[in-house]
Amino acid sequence: AGISTQHLIAVAEVGPDAAVLAFEHVPGRTFDSVGHTLGDAELAGAWEIVRDLQSARIAHRSLVAENFLQANDGKVYIQGLEDGTVAASDVLLRIDLAEALVTLSLSADPIRAIQAARVVLGDVGLARALPALQPVALSPHTRALLKNDRELLTTLRATILQNMPESDAEQIEIERVKPRTLITIFAGTIAAYVLLTQLGRV
């Protein structure tokens, strides 16, 4: 898809259900270790990657600062694609967009992150992130960072809507499955199996 990432060099099987993937090494620093506010070139490079992922319908599922890499030559790369999804649904793509917006806002500032996104994605493309700008949609890592900036999501939504007053933000109901729910389903399945077995004997 033309995404700027480390190229896969070799694959080797190491067991019946496991393989080793060897990737090209790109010297550089991740966004979370840059040590200063991201410049305009880094922001633009990151948004171009997000745009290309969205165009190819690839959901990265973890667009956090440690997965954006600033190479020594200044080019921006993305890593950590092994947990991504191809032919991703619209909801997953919107969640990716929202996570990227929050990540880049924390690495720079909300106004500059939004301005860079508008240049690369356009107003309509950026507005697709609005429904997913809610804590439950974001990764645990990003939610933990938001504890230090509780007003960021509100600021991002307000700024995007201010730039696009005609935009009618859609609403998406996003719920995470809790461990308690999984246990309840598991217990219910066992109970149903036992009951059906007893009824079969009757």
N, C-alpha and C. Protein backbone atom coordinates (compact mmCIF):
# COMPACT_ATOMS: atom_id res chain seq x y z
N ALA A 1 0.83 -1.22 0.00
CA ALA A 1 0.00 0.00 0.00
C ALA A 1 0.85 1.26 0.00
N GLY A 2 2.16 1.11 -0.03
CA GLY A 2 3.03 2.27 -0.05
C GLY A 2 3.20 2.95 1.29
N ILE A 3 2.88 2.25 2.37
CA ILE A 3 3.02 2.83 3.72
C ILE A 3 4.50 2.90 4.09
N SER A 4 4.90 3.99 4.71
CA SER A 4 6.29 4.14 5.15
C SER A 4 6.52 3.33 6.42
N THR A 5 7.04 2.12 6.25
CA THR A 5 7.33 1.26 7.39
C THR A 5 8.55 0.41 7.06
N GLN A 6 9.10 -0.27 8.08
CA GLN A 6 10.25 -1.13 7.82
C GLN A 6 9.84 -2.29 6.92
N HIS A 7 10.65 -2.55 5.91
CA HIS A 7 10.33 -3.63 4.97
C HIS A 7 10.59 -4.99 5.60
N LEU A 8 9.73 -5.93 5.28
CA LEU A 8 9.90 -7.31 5.73
C LEU A 8 11.01 -7.96 4.90
N ILE A 9 12.04 -8.50 5.58
CA ILE A 9 13.19 -9.07 4.88
C ILE A 9 13.08 -10.58 4.77
N ALA A 10 12.68 -11.24 5.85
CA ALA A 10 12.66 -12.71 5.84
C ALA A 10 11.64 -13.23 6.84
N VAL A 11 11.16 -14.46 6.56
CA VAL A 11 10.24 -15.15 7.46
C VAL A 11 10.75 -16.56 7.67
N ALA A 12 10.73 -17.03 8.92
CA ALA A 12 11.19 -18.40 9.20
C ALA A 12 10.24 -19.05 10.19
N GLU A 13 9.83 -20.28 9.90
CA GLU A 13 8.97 -21.02 10.82
C GLU A 13 9.80 -21.53 12.00
N VAL A 14 9.25 -21.37 13.21
CA VAL A 14 9.97 -21.84 14.40
C VAL A 14 9.13 -22.84 15.19
N GLY A 15 8.01 -23.23 14.64
CA GLY A 15 7.15 -24.19 15.32
C GLY A 15 5.87 -24.36 14.53
N PRO A 16 5.00 -25.25 14.98
CA PRO A 16 3.75 -25.50 14.23
C PRO A 16 2.84 -24.28 14.16
N ASP A 17 2.92 -23.40 15.16
CA ASP A 17 2.03 -22.23 15.19
C ASP A 17 2.79 -20.93 15.40
N ALA A 18 4.06 -20.91 15.00
CA ALA A 18 4.85 -19.70 15.25
C ALA A 18 5.85 -19.46 14.13
N ALA A 19 6.16 -18.20 13.91
CA ALA A 19 7.14 -17.83 12.90
C ALA A 19 7.89 -16.60 13.37
N VAL A 20 9.10 -16.42 12.87
CA VAL A 20 9.91 -15.24 13.15
C VAL A 20 9.88 -14.34 11.92
N LEU A 21 9.60 -13.07 12.13
CA LEU A 21 9.62 -12.09 11.04
C LEU A 21 10.81 -11.16 11.25
N ALA A 22 11.63 -11.02 10.22
CA ALA A 22 12.79 -10.13 10.30
C ALA A 22 12.52 -8.88 9.45
N PHE A 23 12.58 -7.72 10.09
CA PHE A 23 12.29 -6.46 9.41
C PHE A 23 13.57 -5.64 9.24
N GLU A 24 13.57 -4.81 8.23
CA GLU A 24 14.65 -3.85 8.00
C GLU A 24 14.77 -2.94 9.22
N HIS A 25 16.00 -2.66 9.62
CA HIS A 25 16.23 -1.74 10.74
C HIS A 25 16.33 -0.31 10.20
N VAL A 26 15.49 0.57 10.75
CA VAL A 26 15.53 1.99 10.37
C VAL A 26 16.03 2.77 11.59
N PRO A 27 17.24 3.29 11.54
CA PRO A 27 17.75 4.04 12.69
C PRO A 27 16.98 5.34 12.88
N GLY A 28 16.63 5.60 14.13
CA GLY A 28 15.89 6.82 14.43
C GLY A 28 15.34 6.78 15.84
N ARG A 29 14.40 7.67 16.13
CA ARG A 29 13.81 7.75 17.46
C ARG A 29 12.29 7.79 17.35
N THR A 30 11.63 7.12 18.28
CA THR A 30 10.18 7.16 18.29
C THR A 30 9.70 8.53 18.79
N PHE A 31 8.47 8.87 18.47
CA PHE A 31 7.94 10.18 18.85
C PHE A 31 7.94 10.38 20.36
N ASP A 32 7.76 9.30 21.12
CA ASP A 32 7.73 9.48 22.57
C ASP A 32 9.11 9.67 23.17
N SER A 33 10.16 9.48 22.37
CA SER A 33 11.52 9.68 22.88
C SER A 33 12.26 10.81 22.17
N VAL A 34 11.54 11.58 21.36
CA VAL A 34 12.19 12.68 20.64
C VAL A 34 12.72 13.72 21.61
N GLY A 35 11.98 13.99 22.67
CA GLY A 35 12.49 14.90 23.69
C GLY A 35 12.14 16.35 23.45
N HIS A 36 11.38 16.64 22.40
CA HIS A 36 10.94 18.02 22.17
C HIS A 36 9.61 17.97 21.41
N THR A 37 8.95 19.12 21.34
CA THR A 37 7.68 19.17 20.63
C THR A 37 7.91 18.90 19.15
N LEU A 38 7.04 18.10 18.55
CA LEU A 38 7.20 17.74 17.15
C LEU A 38 7.12 18.97 16.25
N GLY A 39 7.95 18.96 15.21
CA GLY A 39 7.93 20.04 14.25
C GLY A 39 6.86 19.81 13.19
N ASP A 40 6.69 20.79 12.31
CA ASP A 40 5.67 20.70 11.27
C ASP A 40 5.95 19.54 10.31
N ALA A 41 7.21 19.29 10.01
CA ALA A 41 7.56 18.21 9.08
C ALA A 41 7.19 16.85 9.67
N GLU A 42 7.44 16.65 10.96
CA GLU A 42 7.09 15.38 11.60
C GLU A 42 5.57 15.19 11.64
N LEU A 43 4.84 16.26 11.97
CA LEU A 43 3.38 16.17 11.99
C LEU A 43 2.83 15.83 10.61
N ALA A 44 3.34 16.50 9.59
CA ALA A 44 2.87 16.24 8.23
C ALA A 44 3.18 14.81 7.82
N GLY A 45 4.40 14.33 8.15
CA GLY A 45 4.78 12.96 7.81
C GLY A 45 3.90 11.93 8.49
N ALA A 46 3.56 12.18 9.76
CA ALA A 46 2.69 11.25 10.49
C ALA A 46 1.29 11.23 9.88
N TRP A 47 0.75 12.40 9.56
CA TRP A 47 -0.59 12.46 8.97
C TRP A 47 -0.63 11.84 7.58
N GLU A 48 0.45 11.93 6.84
CA GLU A 48 0.49 11.29 5.52
C GLU A 48 0.41 9.77 5.66
N ILE A 49 1.06 9.23 6.70
CA ILE A 49 0.97 7.79 6.96
C ILE A 49 -0.47 7.41 7.32
N VAL A 50 -1.09 8.21 8.20
CA VAL A 50 -2.47 7.94 8.60
C VAL A 50 -3.38 8.00 7.37
N ARG A 51 -3.18 8.99 6.52
CA ARG A 51 -3.99 9.11 5.29
C ARG A 51 -3.83 7.87 4.42
N ASP A 52 -2.60 7.39 4.24
CA ASP A 52 -2.36 6.23 3.39
C ASP A 52 -2.97 4.96 4.00
N LEU A 53 -2.89 4.83 5.33
CA LEU A 53 -3.52 3.69 6.00
C LEU A 53 -5.03 3.71 5.78
N GLN A 54 -5.62 4.89 5.94
CA GLN A 54 -7.06 5.03 5.77
C GLN A 54 -7.47 4.71 4.33
N SER A 55 -6.70 5.20 3.37
CA SER A 55 -7.02 4.97 1.95
C SER A 55 -6.96 3.48 1.61
N ALA A 56 -6.00 2.76 2.24
CA ALA A 56 -5.86 1.33 1.99
C ALA A 56 -6.77 0.49 2.88
N ARG A 57 -7.58 1.16 3.73
CA ARG A 57 -8.48 0.50 4.68
C ARG A 57 -7.71 -0.46 5.59
N ILE A 58 -6.57 0.02 6.07
CA ILE A 58 -5.77 -0.72 7.05
C ILE A 58 -5.90 -0.02 8.39
N ALA A 59 -6.40 -0.72 9.40
CA ALA A 59 -6.48 -0.18 10.75
C ALA A 59 -5.24 -0.63 11.52
N HIS A 60 -4.48 0.32 12.00
CA HIS A 60 -3.26 0.00 12.74
C HIS A 60 -3.58 -0.55 14.12
N ARG A 61 -4.60 0.01 14.77
CA ARG A 61 -5.10 -0.40 16.08
C ARG A 61 -4.25 0.08 17.26
N SER A 62 -3.14 0.79 16.97
CA SER A 62 -2.32 1.30 18.08
C SER A 62 -1.45 2.46 17.59
N LEU A 63 -2.10 3.54 17.17
CA LEU A 63 -1.36 4.70 16.66
C LEU A 63 -0.91 5.59 17.82
N VAL A 64 -0.02 5.03 18.64
CA VAL A 64 0.53 5.75 19.80
C VAL A 64 1.91 6.27 19.43
N ALA A 65 2.45 7.15 20.29
CA ALA A 65 3.70 7.83 19.97
C ALA A 65 4.87 6.86 19.77
N GLU A 66 4.88 5.75 20.49
CA GLU A 66 6.01 4.83 20.38
C GLU A 66 6.00 4.05 19.07
N ASN A 67 4.92 4.13 18.31
CA ASN A 67 4.86 3.45 17.02
C ASN A 67 5.14 4.37 15.84
N PHE A 68 5.26 5.67 16.09
CA PHE A 68 5.71 6.60 15.07
C PHE A 68 7.21 6.79 15.22
N LEU A 69 7.94 6.59 14.14
CA LEU A 69 9.40 6.64 14.18
C LEU A 69 9.92 7.78 13.31
N GLN A 70 10.72 8.65 13.91
CA GLN A 70 11.40 9.70 13.14
C GLN A 70 12.80 9.19 12.81
N ALA A 71 13.03 8.85 11.53
CA ALA A 71 14.32 8.31 11.11
C ALA A 71 15.38 9.40 11.14
N ASN A 72 16.63 8.97 11.13
CA ASN A 72 17.74 9.92 11.18
C ASN A 72 17.76 10.85 9.97
N ASP A 73 17.17 10.39 8.85
CA ASP A 73 17.12 11.25 7.67
C ASP A 73 15.93 12.19 7.68
N GLY A 74 15.14 12.18 8.78
CA GLY A 74 14.01 13.09 8.92
C GLY A 74 12.68 12.51 8.48
N LYS A 75 12.70 11.37 7.78
CA LYS A 75 11.45 10.78 7.30
C LYS A 75 10.71 10.10 8.46
N VAL A 76 9.39 10.09 8.40
CA VAL A 76 8.57 9.47 9.44
C VAL A 76 8.12 8.09 8.98
N TYR A 77 8.25 7.11 9.86
CA TYR A 77 7.84 5.73 9.60
C TYR A 77 6.82 5.32 10.64
N ILE A 78 6.07 4.26 10.32
CA ILE A 78 5.15 3.66 11.29
C ILE A 78 5.60 2.23 11.55
N GLN A 79 5.52 1.79 12.79
CA GLN A 79 5.87 0.42 13.14
C GLN A 79 4.75 -0.17 13.99
N GLY A 80 4.88 -1.46 14.33
CA GLY A 80 3.85 -2.11 15.14
C GLY A 80 2.61 -2.47 14.36
N LEU A 81 2.76 -2.79 13.08
CA LEU A 81 1.60 -3.12 12.24
C LEU A 81 1.13 -4.56 12.41
N GLU A 82 1.85 -5.36 13.20
CA GLU A 82 1.52 -6.79 13.27
C GLU A 82 0.15 -7.05 13.89
N ASP A 83 -0.39 -6.12 14.65
CA ASP A 83 -1.71 -6.31 15.26
C ASP A 83 -2.80 -5.56 14.51
N GLY A 84 -2.48 -5.07 13.32
CA GLY A 84 -3.44 -4.31 12.55
C GLY A 84 -4.48 -5.18 11.87
N THR A 85 -5.38 -4.52 11.14
CA THR A 85 -6.47 -5.20 10.46
C THR A 85 -6.57 -4.69 9.02
N VAL A 86 -6.64 -5.61 8.07
CA VAL A 86 -6.85 -5.22 6.68
C VAL A 86 -8.35 -5.28 6.38
N ALA A 87 -8.77 -4.58 5.31
CA ALA A 87 -10.19 -4.49 4.97
C ALA A 87 -10.98 -4.07 6.21
N ALA A 88 -10.45 -3.06 6.92
CA ALA A 88 -11.02 -2.64 8.20
C ALA A 88 -12.38 -1.97 8.02
N SER A 89 -13.21 -2.10 9.03
CA SER A 89 -14.52 -1.46 9.02
C SER A 89 -14.38 0.04 9.20
N ASP A 90 -15.45 0.77 8.88
CA ASP A 90 -15.43 2.22 9.02
C ASP A 90 -15.21 2.64 10.46
N VAL A 91 -15.78 1.89 11.40
CA VAL A 91 -15.62 2.23 12.82
C VAL A 91 -14.16 2.11 13.24
N LEU A 92 -13.49 1.02 12.84
CA LEU A 92 -12.08 0.85 13.20
C LEU A 92 -11.22 1.96 12.59
N LEU A 93 -11.53 2.36 11.38
CA LEU A 93 -10.75 3.43 10.73
C LEU A 93 -10.97 4.76 11.45
N ARG A 94 -12.17 5.02 11.89
CA ARG A 94 -12.45 6.26 12.63
C ARG A 94 -11.74 6.26 13.98
N ILE A 95 -11.70 5.09 14.64
CA ILE A 95 -11.01 4.98 15.92
C ILE A 95 -9.51 5.24 15.71
N ASP A 96 -8.94 4.69 14.65
CA ASP A 96 -7.53 4.94 14.32
C ASP A 96 -7.29 6.44 14.13
N LEU A 97 -8.18 7.09 13.42
CA LEU A 97 -8.05 8.52 13.14
C LEU A 97 -8.09 9.33 14.43
N ALA A 98 -9.01 8.97 15.32
CA ALA A 98 -9.12 9.66 16.61
C ALA A 98 -7.88 9.44 17.46
N GLU A 99 -7.38 8.21 17.47
CA GLU A 99 -6.18 7.91 18.27
C GLU A 99 -4.97 8.68 17.76
N ALA A 100 -4.84 8.76 16.44
CA ALA A 100 -3.73 9.52 15.85
C ALA A 100 -3.84 10.99 16.23
N LEU A 101 -5.05 11.53 16.19
CA LEU A 101 -5.25 12.94 16.54
C LEU A 101 -4.86 13.21 17.98
N VAL A 102 -5.27 12.33 18.88
CA VAL A 102 -4.92 12.51 20.30
C VAL A 102 -3.41 12.37 20.50
N THR A 103 -2.82 11.35 19.87
CA THR A 103 -1.38 11.11 20.01
C THR A 103 -0.57 12.31 19.54
N LEU A 104 -0.89 12.82 18.37
CA LEU A 104 -0.12 13.94 17.81
C LEU A 104 -0.40 15.24 18.56
N SER A 105 -1.60 15.37 19.13
CA SER A 105 -1.90 16.55 19.96
C SER A 105 -1.08 16.53 21.24
N LEU A 106 -0.90 15.34 21.80
CA LEU A 106 -0.08 15.23 23.01
C LEU A 106 1.40 15.42 22.71
N SER A 107 1.81 15.05 21.49
CA SER A 107 3.22 15.17 21.12
C SER A 107 3.58 16.57 20.63
N ALA A 108 2.58 17.34 20.24
CA ALA A 108 2.81 18.72 19.81
C ALA A 108 1.85 19.62 20.60
N ASP A 109 0.78 20.04 19.97
CA ASP A 109 -0.32 20.71 20.66
C ASP A 109 -1.55 20.58 19.78
N PRO A 110 -2.75 20.70 20.36
CA PRO A 110 -3.97 20.42 19.59
C PRO A 110 -4.13 21.27 18.33
N ILE A 111 -3.83 22.57 18.44
CA ILE A 111 -4.04 23.47 17.30
C ILE A 111 -3.14 23.07 16.13
N ARG A 112 -1.86 22.83 16.40
CA ARG A 112 -0.93 22.48 15.33
C ARG A 112 -1.25 21.10 14.76
N ALA A 113 -1.65 20.17 15.62
CA ALA A 113 -2.00 18.82 15.15
C ALA A 113 -3.21 18.89 14.23
N ILE A 114 -4.20 19.69 14.58
CA ILE A 114 -5.40 19.82 13.75
C ILE A 114 -5.08 20.55 12.44
N GLN A 115 -4.27 21.59 12.51
CA GLN A 115 -3.89 22.31 11.29
C GLN A 115 -3.18 21.40 10.31
N ALA A 116 -2.24 20.59 10.81
CA ALA A 116 -1.51 19.66 9.94
C ALA A 116 -2.46 18.62 9.35
N ALA A 117 -3.42 18.15 10.17
CA ALA A 117 -4.39 17.16 9.68
C ALA A 117 -5.27 17.74 8.60
N ARG A 118 -5.67 19.00 8.74
CA ARG A 118 -6.52 19.64 7.73
C ARG A 118 -5.80 19.77 6.40
N VAL A 119 -4.50 20.03 6.46
CA VAL A 119 -3.72 20.16 5.22
C VAL A 119 -3.64 18.82 4.50
N VAL A 120 -3.41 17.74 5.25
CA VAL A 120 -3.20 16.42 4.65
C VAL A 120 -4.51 15.70 4.35
N LEU A 121 -5.45 15.75 5.31
CA LEU A 121 -6.70 14.99 5.18
C LEU A 121 -7.86 15.80 4.62
N GLY A 122 -7.78 17.11 4.79
CA GLY A 122 -8.93 17.94 4.44
C GLY A 122 -9.92 17.98 5.59
N ASP A 123 -10.82 18.96 5.56
CA ASP A 123 -11.78 19.12 6.65
C ASP A 123 -12.72 17.92 6.77
N VAL A 124 -13.17 17.41 5.63
CA VAL A 124 -14.10 16.27 5.66
C VAL A 124 -13.41 15.03 6.22
N GLY A 125 -12.17 14.79 5.79
CA GLY A 125 -11.43 13.63 6.29
C GLY A 125 -11.20 13.70 7.78
N LEU A 126 -10.85 14.89 8.28
CA LEU A 126 -10.60 15.04 9.71
C LEU A 126 -11.89 14.91 10.51
N ALA A 127 -13.00 15.39 9.97
CA ALA A 127 -14.27 15.33 10.70
C ALA A 127 -14.70 13.90 10.98
N ARG A 128 -14.19 12.94 10.24
CA ARG A 128 -14.54 11.54 10.46
C ARG A 128 -14.07 11.06 11.84
N ALA A 129 -13.13 11.77 12.46
CA ALA A 129 -12.62 11.37 13.78
C ALA A 129 -13.58 11.77 14.90
N LEU A 130 -14.47 12.71 14.65
CA LEU A 130 -15.31 13.26 15.72
C LEU A 130 -16.09 12.20 16.51
N PRO A 131 -16.78 11.26 15.85
CA PRO A 131 -17.57 10.30 16.63
C PRO A 131 -16.74 9.41 17.55
N ALA A 132 -15.46 9.20 17.19
CA ALA A 132 -14.61 8.30 17.97
C ALA A 132 -13.77 9.03 19.01
N LEU A 133 -13.96 10.33 19.15
CA LEU A 133 -13.21 11.08 20.16
C LEU A 133 -13.88 10.91 21.52
N GLN A 134 -13.80 9.70 22.04
CA GLN A 134 -14.34 9.37 23.35
C GLN A 134 -13.39 8.37 24.00
N PRO A 135 -13.21 8.46 25.30
CA PRO A 135 -12.20 7.62 25.98
C PRO A 135 -12.33 6.13 25.71
N VAL A 136 -13.56 5.61 25.67
CA VAL A 136 -13.74 4.18 25.52
C VAL A 136 -13.21 3.68 24.18
N ALA A 137 -13.09 4.56 23.19
CA ALA A 137 -12.63 4.14 21.87
C ALA A 137 -11.11 4.05 21.79
N LEU A 138 -10.42 4.68 22.70
CA LEU A 138 -8.96 4.78 22.62
C LEU A 138 -8.28 3.63 23.35
N SER A 139 -7.01 3.44 23.02
CA SER A 139 -6.23 2.36 23.63
C SER A 139 -5.98 2.66 25.11
N PRO A 140 -5.72 1.64 25.92
CA PRO A 140 -5.43 1.87 27.35
C PRO A 140 -4.26 2.82 27.55
N HIS A 141 -3.24 2.73 26.70
CA HIS A 141 -2.07 3.62 26.82
C HIS A 141 -2.48 5.07 26.65
N THR A 142 -3.29 5.35 25.63
CA THR A 142 -3.71 6.73 25.37
C THR A 142 -4.65 7.22 26.46
N ARG A 143 -5.54 6.35 26.95
CA ARG A 143 -6.45 6.75 28.03
C ARG A 143 -5.66 7.11 29.29
N ALA A 144 -4.57 6.40 29.54
CA ALA A 144 -3.75 6.72 30.71
C ALA A 144 -3.11 8.10 30.57
N LEU A 145 -2.66 8.43 29.35
CA LEU A 145 -2.06 9.75 29.12
C LEU A 145 -3.09 10.86 29.26
N LEU A 146 -4.33 10.57 28.90
CA LEU A 146 -5.38 11.59 28.98
C LEU A 146 -5.74 11.96 30.41
N LYS A 147 -5.34 11.13 31.37
CA LYS A 147 -5.62 11.46 32.77
C LYS A 147 -4.91 12.74 33.18
N ASN A 148 -3.81 13.06 32.49
CA ASN A 148 -3.07 14.29 32.80
C ASN A 148 -3.59 15.48 32.00
N ASP A 149 -4.50 15.23 31.06
CA ASP A 149 -5.06 16.30 30.24
C ASP A 149 -6.52 15.95 29.95
N ARG A 150 -7.35 16.07 30.95
CA ARG A 150 -8.74 15.60 30.86
C ARG A 150 -9.59 16.42 29.89
N GLU A 151 -9.14 17.63 29.57
CA GLU A 151 -9.94 18.49 28.69
C GLU A 151 -9.53 18.36 27.22
N LEU A 152 -8.56 17.50 26.92
CA LEU A 152 -8.05 17.45 25.55
C LEU A 152 -9.13 17.03 24.55
N LEU A 153 -9.89 15.99 24.86
CA LEU A 153 -10.91 15.52 23.92
C LEU A 153 -11.95 16.61 23.65
N THR A 154 -12.34 17.33 24.70
CA THR A 154 -13.30 18.42 24.53
C THR A 154 -12.72 19.52 23.66
N THR A 155 -11.44 19.83 23.88
CA THR A 155 -10.76 20.86 23.08
C THR A 155 -10.68 20.46 21.62
N LEU A 156 -10.35 19.20 21.36
CA LEU A 156 -10.24 18.72 19.99
C LEU A 156 -11.59 18.79 19.27
N ARG A 157 -12.64 18.33 19.94
CA ARG A 157 -13.96 18.37 19.32
C ARG A 157 -14.39 19.80 19.04
N ALA A 158 -14.20 20.67 20.02
CA ALA A 158 -14.62 22.07 19.86
C ALA A 158 -13.86 22.75 18.73
N THR A 159 -12.55 22.48 18.63
CA THR A 159 -11.73 23.11 17.60
C THR A 159 -12.13 22.63 16.21
N ILE A 160 -12.37 21.33 16.07
CA ILE A 160 -12.77 20.79 14.76
C ILE A 160 -14.12 21.36 14.35
N LEU A 161 -15.06 21.42 15.28
CA LEU A 161 -16.39 21.95 14.97
C LEU A 161 -16.34 23.45 14.69
N GLN A 162 -15.42 24.14 15.34
CA GLN A 162 -15.27 25.57 15.10
C GLN A 162 -14.75 25.83 13.68
N ASN A 163 -13.84 24.97 13.24
CA ASN A 163 -13.32 25.11 11.87
C ASN A 163 -14.35 24.71 10.83
N MET A 164 -15.27 23.83 11.24
CA MET A 164 -16.29 23.34 10.31
C MET A 164 -17.66 23.46 10.95
N PRO A 165 -18.20 24.68 11.07
CA PRO A 165 -19.47 24.87 11.78
C PRO A 165 -20.63 24.13 11.14
N GLU A 166 -20.50 23.82 9.84
CA GLU A 166 -21.60 23.12 9.17
C GLU A 166 -21.57 21.63 9.43
N SER A 167 -20.49 21.14 10.07
CA SER A 167 -20.33 19.71 10.29
C SER A 167 -21.31 19.22 11.36
N ASP A 168 -22.06 18.21 11.02
CA ASP A 168 -22.99 17.59 11.97
C ASP A 168 -22.35 16.28 12.42
N ALA A 169 -21.74 16.30 13.58
CA ALA A 169 -20.98 15.14 14.05
C ALA A 169 -21.88 13.94 14.27
N GLU A 170 -21.52 12.83 13.66
CA GLU A 170 -22.26 11.59 13.88
C GLU A 170 -21.93 11.06 15.27
N GLN A 171 -22.78 10.19 15.75
CA GLN A 171 -22.55 9.55 17.04
C GLN A 171 -22.35 8.05 16.83
N ILE A 172 -21.33 7.51 17.46
CA ILE A 172 -21.07 6.07 17.40
C ILE A 172 -21.05 5.54 18.82
N GLU A 173 -21.85 4.54 19.08
CA GLU A 173 -21.86 3.92 20.40
C GLU A 173 -20.76 2.86 20.45
N ILE A 174 -19.73 3.10 21.24
CA ILE A 174 -18.61 2.18 21.35
C ILE A 174 -18.56 1.65 22.77
N GLU A 175 -18.54 0.33 22.89
CA GLU A 175 -18.48 -0.30 24.20
C GLU A 175 -17.38 -1.33 24.20
N ARG A 176 -16.57 -1.33 25.25
CA ARG A 176 -15.55 -2.35 25.41
C ARG A 176 -16.13 -3.53 26.19
N VAL A 177 -15.77 -4.74 25.76
CA VAL A 177 -16.25 -5.93 26.46
C VAL A 177 -15.45 -6.09 27.75
N LYS A 178 -16.17 -6.12 28.87
CA LYS A 178 -15.52 -6.24 30.16
C LYS A 178 -15.28 -7.71 30.50
N PRO A 179 -14.24 -8.02 31.28
CA PRO A 179 -13.98 -9.41 31.69
C PRO A 179 -15.19 -10.04 32.39
N ARG A 180 -15.91 -9.23 33.16
CA ARG A 180 -17.07 -9.75 33.87
C ARG A 180 -18.14 -10.25 32.88
N THR A 181 -18.28 -9.51 31.76
CA THR A 181 -19.25 -9.92 30.73
C THR A 181 -18.84 -11.24 30.11
N LEU A 182 -17.53 -11.40 29.82
CA LEU A 182 -17.05 -12.65 29.23
C LEU A 182 -17.28 -13.83 30.16
N ILE A 183 -17.05 -13.63 31.47
CA ILE A 183 -17.26 -14.69 32.46
C ILE A 183 -18.74 -15.07 32.50
N THR A 184 -19.60 -14.05 32.46
CA THR A 184 -21.05 -14.32 32.48
C THR A 184 -21.48 -15.14 31.27
N ILE A 185 -20.97 -14.77 30.09
CA ILE A 185 -21.30 -15.50 28.87
C ILE A 185 -20.80 -16.94 28.95
N PHE A 186 -19.56 -17.11 29.44
CA PHE A 186 -18.97 -18.44 29.57
C PHE A 186 -19.78 -19.31 30.53
N ALA A 187 -20.13 -18.74 31.69
CA ALA A 187 -20.92 -19.49 32.68
C ALA A 187 -22.30 -19.82 32.13
N GLY A 188 -22.90 -18.87 31.41
CA GLY A 188 -24.21 -19.11 30.83
C GLY A 188 -24.19 -20.22 29.79
N THR A 189 -23.10 -20.28 29.01
CA THR A 189 -22.96 -21.32 27.99
C THR A 189 -22.86 -22.70 28.64
N ILE A 190 -22.06 -22.80 29.71
CA ILE A 190 -21.92 -24.07 30.43
C ILE A 190 -23.26 -24.50 31.03
N ALA A 191 -23.97 -23.54 31.64
CA ALA A 191 -25.27 -23.85 32.26
C ALA A 191 -26.26 -24.34 31.19
N ALA A 192 -26.26 -23.69 30.03
CA ALA A 192 -27.17 -24.09 28.96
C ALA A 192 -26.83 -25.49 28.46
N TYR A 193 -25.51 -25.78 28.36
CA TYR A 193 -25.08 -27.11 27.90
C TYR A 193 -25.53 -28.20 28.87
N VAL A 194 -25.32 -27.94 30.16
CA VAL A 194 -25.73 -28.93 31.19
C VAL A 194 -27.24 -29.13 31.15
N LEU A 195 -27.99 -28.03 31.03
CA LEU A 195 -29.44 -28.14 31.01
C LEU A 195 -29.94 -28.91 29.80
N LEU A 196 -29.38 -28.63 28.63
CA LEU A 196 -29.78 -29.32 27.41
C LEU A 196 -29.45 -30.82 27.49
N THR A 197 -28.29 -31.13 28.11
CA THR A 197 -27.91 -32.54 28.27
C THR A 197 -28.93 -33.29 29.14
N GLN A 198 -29.33 -32.65 30.25
CA GLN A 198 -30.32 -33.27 31.13
C GLN A 198 -31.66 -33.42 30.44
N LEU A 199 -32.08 -32.41 29.68
CA LEU A 199 -33.35 -32.48 28.96
C LEU A 199 -33.30 -33.58 27.90
N GLY A 200 -32.12 -33.76 27.28
CA GLY A 200 -31.98 -34.82 26.28
C GLY A 200 -32.18 -36.19 26.89
N ARG A 201 -31.70 -36.38 28.11
CA ARG A 201 -31.88 -37.68 28.77
C ARG A 201 -33.35 -37.91 29.10
N VAL A 202 -34.04 -36.84 29.52
CA VAL A 202 -35.47 -36.97 29.81
C VAL A 202 -36.24 -37.36 28.55
